[in-house]
N, C-alpha and C. Protein backbone atom coordinates (compact mmCIF):
# COMPACT_ATOMS: atom_id res chain seq x y z
N MET A 1 -5.57 9.80 -7.11
CA MET A 1 -4.35 8.97 -7.59
C MET A 1 -4.57 7.60 -7.13
N GLU A 2 -4.53 6.59 -7.96
CA GLU A 2 -4.51 5.38 -7.66
C GLU A 2 -3.40 4.78 -6.84
N GLU A 3 -3.59 3.69 -6.22
CA GLU A 3 -2.67 3.27 -5.11
C GLU A 3 -1.34 2.71 -5.98
N ASP A 4 -1.47 2.05 -7.19
CA ASP A 4 -0.27 1.54 -7.80
C ASP A 4 0.47 2.79 -8.38
N GLU A 5 -0.25 3.84 -8.85
CA GLU A 5 0.53 5.02 -9.29
C GLU A 5 1.16 5.67 -8.23
N TYR A 6 0.41 5.73 -6.94
CA TYR A 6 1.12 6.35 -5.80
C TYR A 6 2.41 5.54 -5.47
N LYS A 7 2.29 4.18 -5.39
CA LYS A 7 3.48 3.40 -5.00
C LYS A 7 4.55 3.73 -5.93
N SER A 8 4.23 3.78 -7.31
CA SER A 8 5.31 3.87 -8.31
C SER A 8 5.92 5.28 -8.27
N SER A 9 5.12 6.31 -8.09
CA SER A 9 5.67 7.69 -7.75
C SER A 9 6.56 7.75 -6.54
N TYR A 10 6.12 7.20 -5.46
CA TYR A 10 6.72 7.13 -4.13
C TYR A 10 8.15 6.47 -4.32
N ASP A 11 8.16 5.33 -5.05
CA ASP A 11 9.49 4.68 -5.18
C ASP A 11 10.50 5.57 -6.12
N GLU A 12 9.91 6.39 -6.92
CA GLU A 12 10.83 7.26 -7.78
C GLU A 12 11.32 8.42 -6.78
N LEU A 13 10.47 8.95 -5.97
CA LEU A 13 10.85 10.10 -5.04
C LEU A 13 11.83 9.54 -4.02
N ALA A 14 11.50 8.35 -3.57
CA ALA A 14 12.30 7.69 -2.45
C ALA A 14 13.31 6.56 -2.96
N SER A 15 14.10 6.81 -3.77
CA SER A 15 14.87 5.73 -4.11
C SER A 15 15.53 4.91 -3.15
N ILE A 16 16.03 5.60 -1.99
CA ILE A 16 16.57 5.03 -0.89
C ILE A 16 15.68 5.33 0.21
N ARG A 17 14.74 4.57 0.67
CA ARG A 17 13.74 4.69 1.47
C ARG A 17 14.22 4.83 2.98
N CYS A 18 13.83 5.81 3.76
CA CYS A 18 14.27 6.01 5.04
C CYS A 18 13.51 5.00 5.97
N VAL A 19 14.25 4.26 6.71
CA VAL A 19 13.71 3.32 7.63
C VAL A 19 13.19 3.87 8.87
N PHE A 20 13.52 5.00 9.25
CA PHE A 20 12.92 5.84 10.33
C PHE A 20 11.95 6.71 9.87
N GLU A 21 11.14 6.48 8.78
CA GLU A 21 10.23 7.38 8.23
C GLU A 21 9.14 7.71 9.22
N LYS A 22 8.54 6.57 10.00
CA LYS A 22 7.53 6.89 10.84
C LYS A 22 7.88 7.76 11.97
N ALA A 23 9.06 7.70 12.49
CA ALA A 23 9.51 8.61 13.57
C ALA A 23 9.57 10.10 12.88
N LEU A 24 10.13 10.28 11.73
CA LEU A 24 10.22 11.58 11.05
C LEU A 24 8.71 12.16 10.80
N THR A 25 7.91 11.33 10.31
CA THR A 25 6.54 11.84 10.05
C THR A 25 5.68 12.08 11.19
N SER A 26 6.15 11.67 12.37
CA SER A 26 5.34 11.87 13.57
C SER A 26 5.94 13.27 14.06
N HIS A 27 6.88 13.88 13.48
CA HIS A 27 7.56 15.13 13.89
C HIS A 27 8.27 14.98 15.27
N GLN A 28 8.68 13.78 15.60
CA GLN A 28 9.40 13.58 16.85
C GLN A 28 10.90 13.34 16.73
N ALA A 29 11.16 13.26 15.40
CA ALA A 29 12.64 13.01 15.05
C ALA A 29 12.99 13.86 13.73
N LYS A 30 14.24 14.13 13.63
CA LYS A 30 14.79 14.79 12.44
C LYS A 30 16.01 14.06 12.01
N CYS A 31 16.45 14.24 10.89
CA CYS A 31 17.68 13.62 10.34
C CYS A 31 18.37 14.55 9.27
N THR A 32 19.72 14.70 9.40
CA THR A 32 20.40 15.55 8.35
C THR A 32 20.38 14.65 7.10
N SER A 33 20.33 13.30 6.97
CA SER A 33 20.39 12.57 5.81
C SER A 33 19.12 12.51 5.09
N SER A 34 18.08 13.06 5.68
CA SER A 34 16.61 12.68 4.97
C SER A 34 16.34 13.93 4.32
N THR A 35 15.43 13.42 3.21
CA THR A 35 14.83 14.60 2.30
C THR A 35 13.32 14.23 2.51
N HIS A 36 12.60 15.43 2.64
CA HIS A 36 11.08 15.39 2.90
C HIS A 36 10.47 15.58 1.64
N PHE A 37 9.38 14.94 1.28
CA PHE A 37 8.65 15.19 0.19
C PHE A 37 7.14 15.02 0.36
N CYS A 38 6.44 15.54 -0.47
CA CYS A 38 4.80 15.43 -0.23
C CYS A 38 4.46 14.87 -1.52
N LEU A 39 3.59 13.80 -1.39
CA LEU A 39 2.85 13.05 -2.62
C LEU A 39 1.46 12.94 -2.47
N ALA A 40 0.64 13.45 -3.27
CA ALA A 40 -0.78 13.54 -3.10
C ALA A 40 -1.09 14.05 -1.82
N ASP A 41 -1.90 13.37 -0.89
CA ASP A 41 -2.08 14.14 0.38
C ASP A 41 -1.25 13.44 1.39
N ARG A 42 -0.12 12.79 1.04
CA ARG A 42 0.66 11.97 2.15
C ARG A 42 2.14 12.67 1.94
N GLU A 43 2.80 12.47 3.06
CA GLU A 43 4.25 12.89 3.09
C GLU A 43 5.18 11.66 3.24
N GLY A 44 6.41 11.83 2.88
CA GLY A 44 7.31 10.84 3.04
C GLY A 44 8.77 11.32 3.23
N TYR A 45 9.81 10.46 3.49
CA TYR A 45 11.14 10.75 3.58
C TYR A 45 12.11 9.72 2.88
N SER A 46 13.01 10.29 2.26
CA SER A 46 14.00 9.48 1.53
C SER A 46 15.30 9.72 2.24
N CYS A 47 16.30 8.86 1.89
CA CYS A 47 17.66 8.96 2.46
C CYS A 47 18.47 9.55 1.55
N ALA A 48 19.34 10.56 1.69
CA ALA A 48 20.32 10.94 0.80
C ALA A 48 21.71 10.17 0.68
N ASP A 49 21.81 9.22 1.76
CA ASP A 49 23.14 8.73 1.81
C ASP A 49 23.14 7.15 1.85
N ILE A 50 23.64 6.30 0.96
CA ILE A 50 23.40 4.75 1.14
C ILE A 50 24.26 4.41 2.51
N PRO A 51 25.26 4.80 2.68
CA PRO A 51 26.12 4.35 3.98
C PRO A 51 25.12 4.60 5.25
N SER A 52 24.62 5.78 5.20
CA SER A 52 23.76 6.17 6.38
C SER A 52 22.61 5.26 6.40
N SER A 53 21.97 5.02 5.34
CA SER A 53 20.89 4.17 5.27
C SER A 53 21.08 2.75 5.75
N ALA A 54 22.21 2.38 5.40
CA ALA A 54 22.69 0.85 5.71
C ALA A 54 22.80 0.79 7.29
N LYS A 55 23.26 1.90 7.93
CA LYS A 55 23.52 2.02 9.54
C LYS A 55 22.08 2.13 10.03
N CYS A 56 21.20 2.94 9.60
CA CYS A 56 20.02 2.94 10.20
C CYS A 56 19.14 1.63 10.13
N ARG A 57 19.21 0.94 8.85
CA ARG A 57 18.69 -0.21 8.74
C ARG A 57 19.23 -1.33 9.65
N GLU A 58 20.51 -1.27 10.06
CA GLU A 58 21.03 -2.32 10.86
C GLU A 58 20.65 -2.03 12.39
N ILE A 59 20.71 -0.68 12.80
CA ILE A 59 20.38 -0.39 14.04
C ILE A 59 18.84 -0.51 14.46
N LEU A 60 17.85 -0.39 13.46
CA LEU A 60 16.51 -0.64 13.43
C LEU A 60 16.20 -2.06 13.71
N GLU A 61 16.94 -2.89 12.82
CA GLU A 61 16.66 -4.33 12.85
C GLU A 61 17.28 -4.79 14.24
N LEU A 62 18.40 -4.34 14.83
CA LEU A 62 18.68 -4.72 16.16
C LEU A 62 17.83 -4.33 17.22
N LEU A 63 17.29 -3.07 17.13
CA LEU A 63 16.16 -2.65 18.12
C LEU A 63 14.97 -3.36 18.09
N ARG A 64 14.50 -3.85 16.85
CA ARG A 64 13.38 -4.74 16.84
C ARG A 64 13.68 -6.11 17.42
N LYS A 65 14.87 -6.77 17.08
CA LYS A 65 15.17 -7.99 17.81
C LYS A 65 15.16 -7.87 19.28
N LYS A 66 15.77 -6.91 19.63
CA LYS A 66 15.93 -6.68 21.13
C LYS A 66 14.57 -6.15 21.82
N SER A 67 13.71 -5.79 21.11
CA SER A 67 12.37 -5.22 21.66
C SER A 67 11.27 -6.29 21.67
N VAL A 68 11.59 -7.57 21.42
CA VAL A 68 10.63 -8.60 21.22
C VAL A 68 9.75 -8.75 22.36
N PHE A 69 10.55 -8.98 23.57
CA PHE A 69 9.98 -9.21 24.95
C PHE A 69 9.18 -8.05 25.34
N ALA A 70 9.84 -6.86 25.02
CA ALA A 70 8.99 -5.46 25.52
C ALA A 70 7.72 -5.20 24.80
N LEU A 71 7.63 -5.85 23.59
CA LEU A 71 6.38 -5.68 22.67
C LEU A 71 5.52 -6.83 22.89
N LYS A 72 6.04 -7.75 23.86
CA LYS A 72 5.10 -8.92 24.20
C LYS A 72 4.88 -9.78 22.98
N LEU A 73 5.99 -9.99 22.23
CA LEU A 73 5.93 -10.90 20.99
C LEU A 73 6.85 -12.13 21.13
N ARG A 74 6.68 -13.08 20.57
CA ARG A 74 7.74 -14.25 20.53
C ARG A 74 8.79 -14.16 19.54
N GLU A 75 8.40 -13.42 18.38
CA GLU A 75 9.30 -13.18 17.47
C GLU A 75 8.70 -12.13 16.42
N ILE A 76 9.64 -11.55 15.56
CA ILE A 76 9.13 -10.58 14.72
C ILE A 76 9.51 -11.25 13.28
N ALA A 77 8.36 -11.70 12.72
CA ALA A 77 8.52 -12.47 11.36
C ALA A 77 7.87 -11.74 10.33
N SER A 78 7.26 -10.42 10.66
CA SER A 78 6.55 -9.62 9.59
C SER A 78 6.71 -8.29 10.05
N PRO A 79 6.16 -7.28 9.19
CA PRO A 79 6.37 -5.85 9.64
C PRO A 79 5.62 -5.76 10.94
N LEU A 80 6.10 -4.84 11.74
CA LEU A 80 5.25 -4.56 12.97
C LEU A 80 4.03 -3.68 12.67
N PRO A 81 2.98 -3.80 13.58
CA PRO A 81 1.84 -2.88 13.50
C PRO A 81 2.46 -1.35 13.86
N HIS A 82 1.91 -0.46 13.11
CA HIS A 82 2.20 0.83 13.28
C HIS A 82 2.52 1.32 14.73
N ASN A 83 1.72 1.10 15.56
CA ASN A 83 1.97 1.56 17.06
C ASN A 83 3.22 1.07 17.56
N MET A 84 3.58 -0.26 17.33
CA MET A 84 4.75 -1.00 17.66
C MET A 84 5.86 -0.58 16.96
N GLU A 85 5.99 -0.35 15.74
CA GLU A 85 6.93 0.30 15.02
C GLU A 85 7.28 1.58 15.63
N ILE A 86 6.36 2.51 15.97
CA ILE A 86 6.79 3.85 16.48
C ILE A 86 7.35 3.62 17.89
N ARG A 87 6.74 2.76 18.58
CA ARG A 87 7.45 2.62 19.87
C ARG A 87 8.80 2.17 19.74
N VAL A 88 9.18 1.30 18.75
CA VAL A 88 10.48 0.80 18.63
C VAL A 88 11.47 1.90 18.05
N GLN A 89 10.89 2.55 16.99
CA GLN A 89 11.68 3.70 16.42
C GLN A 89 12.02 4.79 17.46
N LEU A 90 10.95 5.28 17.93
CA LEU A 90 11.20 6.55 18.78
C LEU A 90 11.67 6.17 20.29
N GLY A 91 11.21 5.16 20.78
CA GLY A 91 11.65 4.62 21.90
C GLY A 91 13.16 4.31 21.93
N GLY A 92 13.52 3.48 20.85
CA GLY A 92 14.85 3.16 20.69
C GLY A 92 15.80 4.39 20.45
N LEU A 93 15.44 5.28 19.57
CA LEU A 93 16.12 6.55 19.43
C LEU A 93 16.50 7.33 20.73
N ARG A 94 15.45 7.29 21.60
CA ARG A 94 15.39 8.30 22.88
C ARG A 94 16.45 7.44 23.69
N GLY A 95 16.28 6.22 23.79
CA GLY A 95 17.15 5.38 24.53
C GLY A 95 18.62 5.42 24.21
N LEU A 96 18.94 5.44 22.93
CA LEU A 96 20.33 5.90 22.40
C LEU A 96 20.70 7.06 22.96
N VAL A 97 19.93 8.07 22.83
CA VAL A 97 20.28 9.58 23.02
C VAL A 97 20.63 9.39 24.73
N LYS A 98 19.85 8.88 25.35
CA LYS A 98 20.08 8.81 26.97
C LYS A 98 21.24 8.08 27.32
N LEU A 99 21.99 7.33 26.51
CA LEU A 99 23.20 6.73 26.76
C LEU A 99 24.28 7.71 26.94
N PHE A 100 24.31 8.98 26.09
CA PHE A 100 25.29 9.62 26.18
C PHE A 100 25.19 11.22 26.18
N ASP A 101 23.90 11.83 25.79
CA ASP A 101 23.83 13.20 25.58
C ASP A 101 22.32 13.54 25.41
N GLU A 102 21.71 13.83 26.61
CA GLU A 102 20.39 14.06 26.51
C GLU A 102 19.97 15.38 25.94
N LYS A 103 21.13 16.26 25.65
CA LYS A 103 20.95 17.57 24.87
C LYS A 103 20.45 17.34 23.40
N MET A 104 20.66 16.14 22.99
CA MET A 104 20.22 15.95 21.72
C MET A 104 18.78 15.78 21.58
N LEU A 105 18.14 15.60 22.66
CA LEU A 105 16.64 15.71 22.70
C LEU A 105 16.04 16.97 23.03
N ARG A 106 15.08 17.39 22.21
CA ARG A 106 14.53 18.64 22.40
C ARG A 106 12.99 18.63 22.67
N GLU A 107 12.59 19.54 23.39
CA GLU A 107 11.02 19.76 23.48
C GLU A 107 10.59 20.27 22.06
N SER A 108 9.59 19.53 21.47
CA SER A 108 9.15 19.93 20.20
C SER A 108 7.77 20.52 20.21
N SER A 109 7.64 21.67 19.62
CA SER A 109 6.33 22.30 19.65
C SER A 109 5.25 21.39 18.89
N LEU A 110 5.78 20.32 18.06
CA LEU A 110 4.84 19.48 17.29
C LEU A 110 4.49 18.15 18.25
N ALA A 111 5.39 18.00 19.06
CA ALA A 111 5.42 16.65 19.85
C ALA A 111 4.35 16.94 21.05
N HIS A 112 3.96 15.88 21.54
CA HIS A 112 2.84 16.12 22.53
C HIS A 112 3.74 16.37 23.94
N PRO A 113 3.16 16.88 25.05
CA PRO A 113 3.80 17.32 26.29
C PRO A 113 4.68 16.16 26.71
N GLY A 114 5.95 16.27 27.19
CA GLY A 114 6.56 15.28 27.75
C GLY A 114 7.26 14.39 26.72
N GLN A 115 7.01 14.73 25.44
CA GLN A 115 7.57 13.75 24.44
C GLN A 115 8.67 14.76 23.67
N GLU A 116 9.90 14.13 23.91
CA GLU A 116 11.10 14.93 23.24
C GLU A 116 11.39 14.55 21.67
N ARG A 117 11.92 15.57 20.99
CA ARG A 117 12.13 15.19 19.72
C ARG A 117 13.69 14.93 19.66
N VAL A 118 14.05 13.68 18.90
CA VAL A 118 15.43 13.61 18.51
C VAL A 118 15.97 14.41 17.33
N ASP A 119 17.07 15.26 17.69
CA ASP A 119 17.39 16.22 16.69
C ASP A 119 18.04 15.88 15.42
N ASP A 120 18.80 14.79 15.44
CA ASP A 120 19.29 14.17 14.26
C ASP A 120 19.84 12.75 14.49
N ILE A 121 18.89 11.81 13.77
CA ILE A 121 19.21 10.47 13.93
C ILE A 121 20.64 10.06 13.48
N GLN A 122 21.20 10.62 12.45
CA GLN A 122 22.50 10.19 11.88
C GLN A 122 23.50 10.55 13.04
N ALA A 123 23.46 11.80 13.59
CA ALA A 123 24.39 12.13 14.63
C ALA A 123 24.18 11.15 15.85
N VAL A 124 23.17 10.72 16.23
CA VAL A 124 22.87 9.90 17.45
C VAL A 124 23.54 8.56 17.10
N ILE A 125 23.41 8.06 16.13
CA ILE A 125 24.01 6.66 15.47
C ILE A 125 25.57 6.89 15.47
N LYS A 126 25.89 7.95 14.78
CA LYS A 126 27.46 8.07 14.71
C LYS A 126 28.09 8.19 16.08
N ARG A 127 27.35 9.01 17.01
CA ARG A 127 27.91 9.10 18.47
C ARG A 127 27.94 7.70 19.04
N ALA A 128 26.97 6.96 18.98
CA ALA A 128 26.85 5.53 19.53
C ALA A 128 27.93 4.69 19.08
N VAL A 129 28.20 4.74 17.81
CA VAL A 129 29.34 3.84 17.26
C VAL A 129 30.61 4.35 17.82
N GLU A 130 30.73 5.67 17.78
CA GLU A 130 32.01 6.15 18.23
C GLU A 130 32.33 5.66 19.96
N LYS A 131 31.32 5.89 20.71
CA LYS A 131 31.41 5.43 22.01
C LYS A 131 31.59 3.88 22.31
N TYR A 132 30.72 3.12 21.49
CA TYR A 132 30.69 1.69 21.84
C TYR A 132 31.27 0.81 20.84
N GLY A 133 31.92 1.42 19.85
CA GLY A 133 32.53 0.63 18.65
C GLY A 133 31.82 0.04 17.64
N SER A 134 30.61 -0.54 17.83
CA SER A 134 29.81 -0.93 16.85
C SER A 134 28.38 -1.00 17.32
N LEU A 135 27.45 -1.22 16.50
CA LEU A 135 26.07 -1.15 16.91
C LEU A 135 25.64 -2.40 17.57
N HIS A 136 26.50 -3.47 17.32
CA HIS A 136 26.26 -4.75 18.15
C HIS A 136 26.68 -4.69 19.72
N SER A 137 27.68 -3.59 19.86
CA SER A 137 28.15 -3.63 21.30
C SER A 137 27.32 -2.64 22.15
N LEU A 138 26.25 -2.01 21.66
CA LEU A 138 25.52 -1.07 22.42
C LEU A 138 24.92 -1.82 23.65
N PRO A 139 24.54 -1.18 24.70
CA PRO A 139 23.84 -1.67 25.92
C PRO A 139 22.36 -1.78 25.65
N TYR A 140 21.83 -2.68 25.02
CA TYR A 140 20.61 -2.93 24.57
C TYR A 140 19.59 -2.88 25.84
N SER A 141 20.00 -3.49 26.78
CA SER A 141 19.15 -3.61 28.18
C SER A 141 18.80 -2.19 28.62
N GLN A 142 19.76 -1.20 28.52
CA GLN A 142 19.47 0.12 28.95
C GLN A 142 18.63 0.86 27.70
N ILE A 143 18.74 0.60 26.43
CA ILE A 143 18.09 1.41 25.45
C ILE A 143 16.60 0.82 25.36
N ILE A 144 16.47 -0.44 25.51
CA ILE A 144 15.15 -1.01 25.51
C ILE A 144 14.13 -0.53 26.63
N GLN A 145 14.71 -0.06 27.79
CA GLN A 145 13.90 0.52 28.86
C GLN A 145 13.18 1.90 28.26
N SER A 146 13.77 2.52 27.33
CA SER A 146 13.00 3.62 26.71
C SER A 146 11.96 3.05 25.76
N VAL A 147 12.15 1.88 25.19
CA VAL A 147 10.94 1.32 24.36
C VAL A 147 9.95 0.93 25.18
N VAL A 148 10.20 0.36 26.32
CA VAL A 148 9.25 0.00 27.32
C VAL A 148 8.30 1.13 27.81
N SER A 149 9.03 2.08 28.15
CA SER A 149 8.36 3.30 28.74
C SER A 149 7.81 4.44 27.72
N PHE A 150 8.00 4.08 26.44
CA PHE A 150 7.47 4.95 25.40
C PHE A 150 6.01 4.99 25.47
N GLN A 151 5.52 6.22 25.39
CA GLN A 151 4.04 6.68 25.37
C GLN A 151 3.78 7.18 24.07
N GLY A 152 2.98 6.64 23.36
CA GLY A 152 2.48 7.12 22.08
C GLY A 152 1.47 8.24 22.35
N ARG A 153 0.82 8.65 21.26
CA ARG A 153 -0.18 9.74 21.39
C ARG A 153 -1.34 9.14 22.15
N GLN A 154 -1.87 10.10 22.90
CA GLN A 154 -3.07 9.68 23.79
C GLN A 154 -4.18 9.65 22.88
N LYS A 155 -5.19 8.88 23.30
CA LYS A 155 -6.45 8.76 22.47
C LYS A 155 -7.23 10.04 22.90
N ARG A 156 -7.86 10.51 21.86
CA ARG A 156 -8.76 11.72 22.14
C ARG A 156 -9.76 11.39 23.01
N GLN A 157 -10.24 12.36 23.82
CA GLN A 157 -11.51 12.21 24.50
C GLN A 157 -12.62 12.95 23.86
N HIS A 158 -13.69 12.28 23.73
CA HIS A 158 -14.94 12.84 23.12
C HIS A 158 -15.77 13.78 23.92
């Protein structure tokens, strides 16, 4: 499949693109609003709910802005490299969960040892808004600690 055809087909399947797709494809997070699909030899996720997608986009933008120092950057002017984006997405989600309910983190058989899976991204965001009133009111200094301490996959030893 040509790359242009792939992108066109992808856009048809994911009319509302999931902004936490990297977290979902790493099998370290799940979301009740996401729909999984396979296209060619790749997988992707779309969002089934426009308001949920808007909340996710808002929280991810806030997490990126608040993570600038933790990522050792001056600013975020373009898409982040994959490893930094995973760190922001998964570290940020785990930091959110730690604010109120670590039971929403589960040991995953697909995650690496010591890496918990976030059971439902939408439930985590909803709970955070209920507790703190808005996404802008969250204690980002606490959340970003999880971004700082996030460990991605370890490199394979040959």
